[in-house]
Each structure stands twice: as structure tokens, then as C-alpha cells.
PDB file of N, CA and C in Angstrom:
ATOM      1  N   MET A   1      14.927 -17.121   2.153  1.00  0.00           N
ATOM      2  CA  MET A   1      14.817 -16.916   0.730  1.00  0.00           C
ATOM      3  C   MET A   1      14.430 -15.447   0.499  1.00  0.00           C
ATOM      4  N   LYS A   2      15.090 -14.820  -0.446  1.00  0.00           N
ATOM      5  CA  LYS A   2      14.809 -13.420  -0.752  1.00  0.00           C
ATOM      6  C   LYS A   2      13.466 -13.292  -1.462  1.00  0.00           C
ATOM      7  N   LYS A   3      12.845 -12.124  -1.294  1.00  0.00           N
ATOM      8  CA  LYS A   3      11.538 -11.905  -1.912  1.00  0.00           C
ATOM      9  C   LYS A   3      11.607 -12.065  -3.426  1.00  0.00           C
ATOM     10  N   SER A   4      12.700 -11.639  -4.039  1.00  0.00           N
ATOM     11  CA  SER A   4      12.833 -11.786  -5.493  1.00  0.00           C
ATOM     12  C   SER A   4      12.816 -13.258  -5.898  1.00  0.00           C
ATOM     13  N   GLU A   5      13.403 -14.116  -5.081  1.00  0.00           N
ATOM     14  CA  GLU A   5      13.401 -15.559  -5.351  1.00  0.00           C
ATOM     15  C   GLU A   5      11.999 -16.134  -5.179  1.00  0.00           C
ATOM     16  N   VAL A   6      11.277 -15.636  -4.178  1.00  0.00           N
ATOM     17  CA  VAL A   6       9.905 -16.084  -3.941  1.00  0.00           C
ATOM     18  C   VAL A   6       9.024 -15.668  -5.121  1.00  0.00           C
ATOM     19  N   LYS A   7       9.212 -14.428  -5.588  1.00  0.00           N
ATOM     20  CA  LYS A   7       8.445 -13.948  -6.738  1.00  0.00           C
ATOM     21  C   LYS A   7       8.693 -14.815  -7.971  1.00  0.00           C
ATOM     22  N   GLN A   8       9.949 -15.151  -8.199  1.00  0.00           N
ATOM     23  CA  GLN A   8      10.298 -15.976  -9.354  1.00  0.00           C
ATOM     24  C   GLN A   8       9.630 -17.347  -9.247  1.00  0.00           C
ATOM     25  N   ARG A   9       9.683 -17.929  -8.081  1.00  0.00           N
ATOM     26  CA  ARG A   9       9.051 -19.240  -7.879  1.00  0.00           C
ATOM     27  C   ARG A   9       7.543 -19.154  -8.101  1.00  0.00           C
ATOM     28  N   ALA A  10       6.947 -18.080  -7.602  1.00  0.00           N
ATOM     29  CA  ALA A  10       5.506 -17.884  -7.781  1.00  0.00           C
ATOM     30  C   ALA A  10       5.156 -17.814  -9.260  1.00  0.00           C
ATOM     31  N   GLU A  11       5.893 -17.016 -10.005  1.00  0.00           N
ATOM     32  CA  GLU A  11       5.634 -16.866 -11.432  1.00  0.00           C
ATOM     33  C   GLU A  11       5.783 -18.197 -12.170  1.00  0.00           C
ATOM     34  N   GLU A  12       6.750 -18.998 -11.753  1.00  0.00           N
ATOM     35  CA  GLU A  12       6.987 -20.292 -12.389  1.00  0.00           C
ATOM     36  C   GLU A  12       5.804 -21.244 -12.241  1.00  0.00           C
ATOM     37  N   ILE A  13       5.043 -21.082 -11.161  1.00  0.00           N
ATOM     38  CA  ILE A  13       3.895 -21.984 -10.972  1.00  0.00           C
ATOM     39  C   ILE A  13       2.571 -21.299 -11.274  1.00  0.00           C
ATOM     40  N   GLY A  14       2.640 -20.086 -11.829  1.00  0.00           N
ATOM     41  CA  GLY A  14       1.431 -19.406 -12.263  1.00  0.00           C
ATOM     42  C   GLY A  14       0.758 -18.508 -11.255  1.00  0.00           C
ATOM     43  N   VAL A  15       1.449 -18.146 -10.192  1.00  0.00           N
ATOM     44  CA  VAL A  15       0.900 -17.218  -9.196  1.00  0.00           C
ATOM     45  C   VAL A  15       1.399 -15.820  -9.549  1.00  0.00           C
ATOM     46  N   GLU A  16       0.486 -14.887  -9.714  1.00  0.00           N
ATOM     47  CA  GLU A  16       0.834 -13.502 -10.041  1.00  0.00           C
ATOM     48  C   GLU A  16       1.179 -12.757  -8.756  1.00  0.00           C
ATOM     49  N   PRO A  17       2.441 -12.352  -8.586  1.00  0.00           N
ATOM     50  CA  PRO A  17       2.868 -11.708  -7.349  1.00  0.00           C
ATOM     51  C   PRO A  17       2.195 -10.369  -7.047  1.00  0.00           C
ATOM     52  N   GLY A  18       1.934  -9.574  -8.064  1.00  0.00           N
ATOM     53  CA  GLY A  18       1.326  -8.275  -7.823  1.00  0.00           C
ATOM     54  C   GLY A  18       2.057  -7.518  -6.731  1.00  0.00           C
ATOM     55  N   LYS A  19       1.327  -6.993  -5.772  1.00  0.00           N
ATOM     56  CA  LYS A  19       1.921  -6.224  -4.671  1.00  0.00           C
ATOM     57  C   LYS A  19       1.858  -6.982  -3.349  1.00  0.00           C
ATOM     58  N   MET A  20       1.824  -8.304  -3.424  1.00  0.00           N
ATOM     59  CA  MET A  20       1.764  -9.119  -2.206  1.00  0.00           C
ATOM     60  C   MET A  20       3.045  -8.964  -1.392  1.00  0.00           C
ATOM     61  N   THR A  21       2.892  -9.056  -0.087  1.00  0.00           N
ATOM     62  CA  THR A  21       4.065  -9.114   0.783  1.00  0.00           C
ATOM     63  C   THR A  21       4.698 -10.485   0.591  1.00  0.00           C
ATOM     64  N   LYS A  22       5.880 -10.662   1.110  1.00  0.00           N
ATOM     65  CA  LYS A  22       6.551 -11.956   1.005  1.00  0.00           C
ATOM     66  C   LYS A  22       5.703 -13.049   1.657  1.00  0.00           C
ATOM     67  N   ALA A  23       5.163 -12.761   2.837  1.00  0.00           N
ATOM     68  CA  ALA A  23       4.348 -13.747   3.552  1.00  0.00           C
ATOM     69  C   ALA A  23       3.098 -14.114   2.755  1.00  0.00           C
ATOM     70  N   GLU A  24       2.424 -13.111   2.194  1.00  0.00           N
ATOM     71  CA  GLU A  24       1.225 -13.377   1.389  1.00  0.00           C
ATOM     72  C   GLU A  24       1.568 -14.211   0.168  1.00  0.00           C
ATOM     73  N   LEU A  25       2.701 -13.903  -0.433  1.00  0.00           N
ATOM     74  CA  LEU A  25       3.138 -14.613  -1.627  1.00  0.00           C
ATOM     75  C   LEU A  25       3.462 -16.072  -1.323  1.00  0.00           C
ATOM     76  N   VAL A  26       4.157 -16.301  -0.220  1.00  0.00           N
ATOM     77  CA  VAL A  26       4.475 -17.685   0.162  1.00  0.00           C
ATOM     78  C   VAL A  26       3.184 -18.464   0.414  1.00  0.00           C
ATOM     79  N   ARG A  27       2.230 -17.856   1.097  1.00  0.00           N
ATOM     80  CA  ARG A  27       0.952 -18.539   1.358  1.00  0.00           C
ATOM     81  C   ARG A  27       0.221 -18.844   0.044  1.00  0.00           C
ATOM     82  N   ALA A  28       0.287 -17.924  -0.917  1.00  0.00           N
ATOM     83  CA  ALA A  28      -0.345 -18.160  -2.221  1.00  0.00           C
ATOM     84  C   ALA A  28       0.334 -19.322  -2.945  1.00  0.00           C
ATOM     85  N   ILE A  29       1.641 -19.410  -2.826  1.00  0.00           N
ATOM     86  CA  ILE A  29       2.386 -20.524  -3.422  1.00  0.00           C
ATOM     87  C   ILE A  29       1.972 -21.826  -2.743  1.00  0.00           C
ATOM     88  N   GLN A  30       1.903 -21.806  -1.416  1.00  0.00           N
ATOM     89  CA  GLN A  30       1.502 -23.011  -0.685  1.00  0.00           C
ATOM     90  C   GLN A  30       0.140 -23.502  -1.158  1.00  0.00           C
ATOM     91  N   GLU A  31      -0.810 -22.595  -1.294  1.00  0.00           N
ATOM     92  CA  GLU A  31      -2.153 -22.966  -1.752  1.00  0.00           C
ATOM     93  C   GLU A  31      -2.115 -23.506  -3.179  1.00  0.00           C
ATOM     94  N   ALA A  32      -1.357 -22.842  -4.056  1.00  0.00           N
ATOM     95  CA  ALA A  32      -1.268 -23.278  -5.452  1.00  0.00           C
ATOM     96  C   ALA A  32      -0.667 -24.681  -5.561  1.00  0.00           C
ATOM     97  N   GLU A  33       0.177 -25.031  -4.612  1.00  0.00           N
ATOM     98  CA  GLU A  33       0.804 -26.352  -4.601  1.00  0.00           C
ATOM     99  C   GLU A  33      -0.053 -27.393  -3.875  1.00  0.00           C
ATOM    100  N   GLY A  34      -1.222 -26.971  -3.394  1.00  0.00           N
ATOM    101  CA  GLY A  34      -2.121 -27.898  -2.726  1.00  0.00           C
ATOM    102  C   GLY A  34      -1.839 -28.108  -1.252  1.00  0.00           C
ATOM    103  N   ASN A  35      -1.103 -27.174  -0.662  1.00  0.00           N
ATOM    104  CA  ASN A  35      -0.760 -27.258   0.755  1.00  0.00           C
ATOM    105  C   ASN A  35      -1.531 -26.196   1.539  1.00  0.00           C
ATOM    106  N   PRO A  36      -1.676 -26.393   2.849  1.00  0.00           N
ATOM    107  CA  PRO A  36      -2.340 -25.364   3.652  1.00  0.00           C
ATOM    108  C   PRO A  36      -1.465 -24.112   3.706  1.00  0.00           C
ATOM    109  N   PRO A  37      -2.060 -22.929   3.653  1.00  0.00           N
ATOM    110  CA  PRO A  37      -1.294 -21.683   3.699  1.00  0.00           C
ATOM    111  C   PRO A  37      -0.855 -21.366   5.129  1.00  0.00           C
ATOM    112  N   SER A  38       0.153 -22.058   5.585  1.00  0.00           N
ATOM    113  CA  SER A  38       0.546 -21.980   6.996  1.00  0.00           C
ATOM    114  C   SER A  38       1.790 -21.151   7.261  1.00  0.00           C
ATOM    115  N   PHE A  39       2.320 -20.495   6.250  1.00  0.00           N
ATOM    116  CA  PHE A  39       3.550 -19.718   6.432  1.00  0.00           C
ATOM    117  C   PHE A  39       3.373 -18.683   7.543  1.00  0.00           C
ATOM    118  N   GLY A  40       4.327 -18.659   8.450  1.00  0.00           N
ATOM    119  CA  GLY A  40       4.295 -17.711   9.565  1.00  0.00           C
ATOM    120  C   GLY A  40       3.683 -18.278  10.826  1.00  0.00           C
ATOM    121  N   ASN A  41       3.269 -19.533  10.777  1.00  0.00           N
ATOM    122  CA  ASN A  41       2.662 -20.174  11.948  1.00  0.00           C
ATOM    123  C   ASN A  41       3.611 -21.150  12.641  1.00  0.00           C
ATOM    124  N   ASN A  42       4.861 -21.159  12.237  1.00  0.00           N
ATOM    125  CA  ASN A  42       5.828 -22.109  12.779  1.00  0.00           C
ATOM    126  C   ASN A  42       6.464 -21.571  14.053  1.00  0.00           C
ATOM    127  N   ASP A  43       6.063 -22.143  15.166  1.00  0.00           N
ATOM    128  CA  ASP A  43       6.635 -21.752  16.455  1.00  0.00           C
ATOM    129  C   ASP A  43       7.809 -22.648  16.838  1.00  0.00           C
ATOM    130  N   GLY A  44       8.301 -23.417  15.866  1.00  0.00           N
ATOM    131  CA  GLY A  44       9.403 -24.334  16.100  1.00  0.00           C
ATOM    132  C   GLY A  44       8.940 -25.756  16.280  1.00  0.00           C
ATOM    133  N   ASN A  45       7.637 -25.966  16.336  1.00  0.00           N
ATOM    134  CA  ASN A  45       7.092 -27.301  16.536  1.00  0.00           C
ATOM    135  C   ASN A  45       6.426 -27.865  15.286  1.00  0.00           C
ATOM    136  N   CYS A  46       6.616 -27.234  14.158  1.00  0.00           N
ATOM    137  CA  CYS A  46       6.016 -27.699  12.909  1.00  0.00           C
ATOM    138  C   CYS A  46       6.638 -29.043  12.511  1.00  0.00           C
ATOM    139  N   PRO A  47       5.813 -30.006  12.121  1.00  0.00           N
ATOM    140  CA  PRO A  47       6.337 -31.321  11.769  1.00  0.00           C
ATOM    141  C   PRO A  47       7.010 -31.363  10.391  1.00  0.00           C
ATOM    142  N   TYR A  48       6.856 -30.313   9.589  1.00  0.00           N
ATOM    143  CA  TYR A  48       7.402 -30.309   8.228  1.00  0.00           C
ATOM    144  C   TYR A  48       8.807 -29.706   8.199  1.00  0.00           C
ATOM    145  N   THR A  49       9.746 -30.371   8.853  1.00  0.00           N
ATOM    146  CA  THR A  49      11.102 -29.841   8.991  1.00  0.00           C
ATOM    147  C   THR A  49      11.866 -29.793   7.673  1.00  0.00           C
ATOM    148  N   ASP A  50      11.398 -30.501   6.669  1.00  0.00           N
ATOM    149  CA  ASP A  50      12.079 -30.472   5.370  1.00  0.00           C
ATOM    150  C   ASP A  50      11.481 -29.426   4.428  1.00  0.00           C
ATOM    151  N   CYS A  51      10.551 -28.632   4.912  1.00  0.00           N
ATOM    152  CA  CYS A  51       9.893 -27.595   4.117  1.00  0.00           C
ATOM    153  C   CYS A  51      10.914 -26.526   3.718  1.00  0.00           C
ATOM    154  N   CYS A  52      10.846 -26.070   2.480  1.00  0.00           N
ATOM    155  CA  CYS A  52      11.801 -25.053   2.009  1.00  0.00           C
ATOM    156  C   CYS A  52      11.572 -23.699   2.668  1.00  0.00           C
ATOM    157  N   TRP A  53      10.426 -23.500   3.301  1.00  0.00           N
ATOM    158  CA  TRP A  53      10.113 -22.224   3.952  1.00  0.00           C
ATOM    159  C   TRP A  53      10.449 -22.230   5.442  1.00  0.00           C
ATOM    160  N   TRP A  54      10.926 -23.336   5.977  1.00  0.00           N
ATOM    161  CA  TRP A  54      11.111 -23.545   7.417  1.00  0.00           C
ATOM    162  C   TRP A  54      11.740 -22.342   8.131  1.00  0.00           C
ATOM    163  N   ASP A  55      12.944 -21.942   7.726  1.00  0.00           N
ATOM    164  CA  ASP A  55      13.651 -20.859   8.424  1.00  0.00           C
ATOM    165  C   ASP A  55      12.901 -19.536   8.338  1.00  0.00           C
ATOM    166  N   ASP A  56      12.437 -19.200   7.139  1.00  0.00           N
ATOM    167  CA  ASP A  56      11.695 -17.950   6.974  1.00  0.00           C
ATOM    168  C   ASP A  56      10.379 -17.984   7.738  1.00  0.00           C
ATOM    169  N   CYS A  57       9.775 -19.144   7.825  1.00  0.00           N
ATOM    170  CA  CYS A  57       8.507 -19.299   8.526  1.00  0.00           C
ATOM    171  C   CYS A  57       8.682 -18.994  10.025  1.00  0.00           C
ATOM    172  N   ILE A  58       9.744 -19.499  10.600  1.00  0.00           N
ATOM    173  CA  ILE A  58      10.028 -19.228  12.015  1.00  0.00           C
ATOM    174  C   ILE A  58      10.271 -17.733  12.220  1.00  0.00           C
ATOM    175  N   LYS A  59      11.040 -17.106  11.325  1.00  0.00           N
ATOM    176  CA  LYS A  59      11.298 -15.669  11.424  1.00  0.00           C
ATOM    177  C   LYS A  59       9.999 -14.867  11.336  1.00  0.00           C
ATOM    178  N   GLU A  60       9.137 -15.250  10.423  1.00  0.00           N
ATOM    179  CA  GLU A  60       7.858 -14.552  10.267  1.00  0.00           C
ATOM    180  C   GLU A  60       7.009 -14.729  11.525  1.00  0.00           C
ATOM    181  N   TYR A  61       7.000 -15.920  12.101  1.00  0.00           N
ATOM    182  CA  TYR A  61       6.257 -16.178  13.333  1.00  0.00           C
ATOM    183  C   TYR A  61       6.753 -15.258  14.453  1.00  0.00           C
ATOM    184  N   ARG A  62       8.061 -15.152  14.577  1.00  0.00           N
ATOM    185  CA  ARG A  62       8.646 -14.326  15.650  1.00  0.00           C
ATOM    186  C   ARG A  62       8.329 -12.843  15.459  1.00  0.00           C
ATOM    187  N   LYS A  63       8.214 -12.397  14.203  1.00  0.00           N
ATOM    188  CA  LYS A  63       7.866 -10.996  13.927  1.00  0.00           C
ATOM    189  C   LYS A  63       6.450 -10.678  14.351  1.00  0.00           C
ATOM    190  N   THR A  64       5.573 -11.646  14.252  1.00  0.00           N
ATOM    191  CA  THR A  64       4.152 -11.385  14.477  1.00  0.00           C
ATOM    192  C   THR A  64       3.636 -11.872  15.838  1.00  0.00           C
ATOM    193  N   HIS A  65       4.469 -12.502  16.625  1.00  0.00           N
ATOM    194  CA  HIS A  65       4.026 -12.998  17.939  1.00  0.00           C
ATOM    195  C   HIS A  65       4.914 -12.497  19.053  1.00  0.00           C
TER     196      HIS A  65
END
């Protein structure tokens, strides 16, 4: 998902994007939705395979590990 799409989704649920990175923004969305802010921790073994962040989460994990 493109950062502009993430920003739009954030605004729709009341999260102010400000100057957050994409990863920070996704985590803020996760928290606002009542989920753990786990974006970027997916090493391929995450049980939430239907999560809309799945592919980006794996990419973020690979960038940081």
C-alpha cells in the first residue's frame, strides 16, 4: 500500500499523519483500531495472514533485520 493510501486511511479514522514514516503511521492505525502495533515484526510466521498490512509488514521486517 502506498504511503498516500495509508495517510488517507489514517485520516479517515482520526489519526493525524503529521510527519510520521509509513511504518509509524501503520502502527498508529493499528493502535487506533485496537490492535497491537506490530507492523514490521512479520518474519513470515505471523498468524494474521488476512491482515491488509501483510505484504508491507514482511517488507518492513526485511528492511530492518
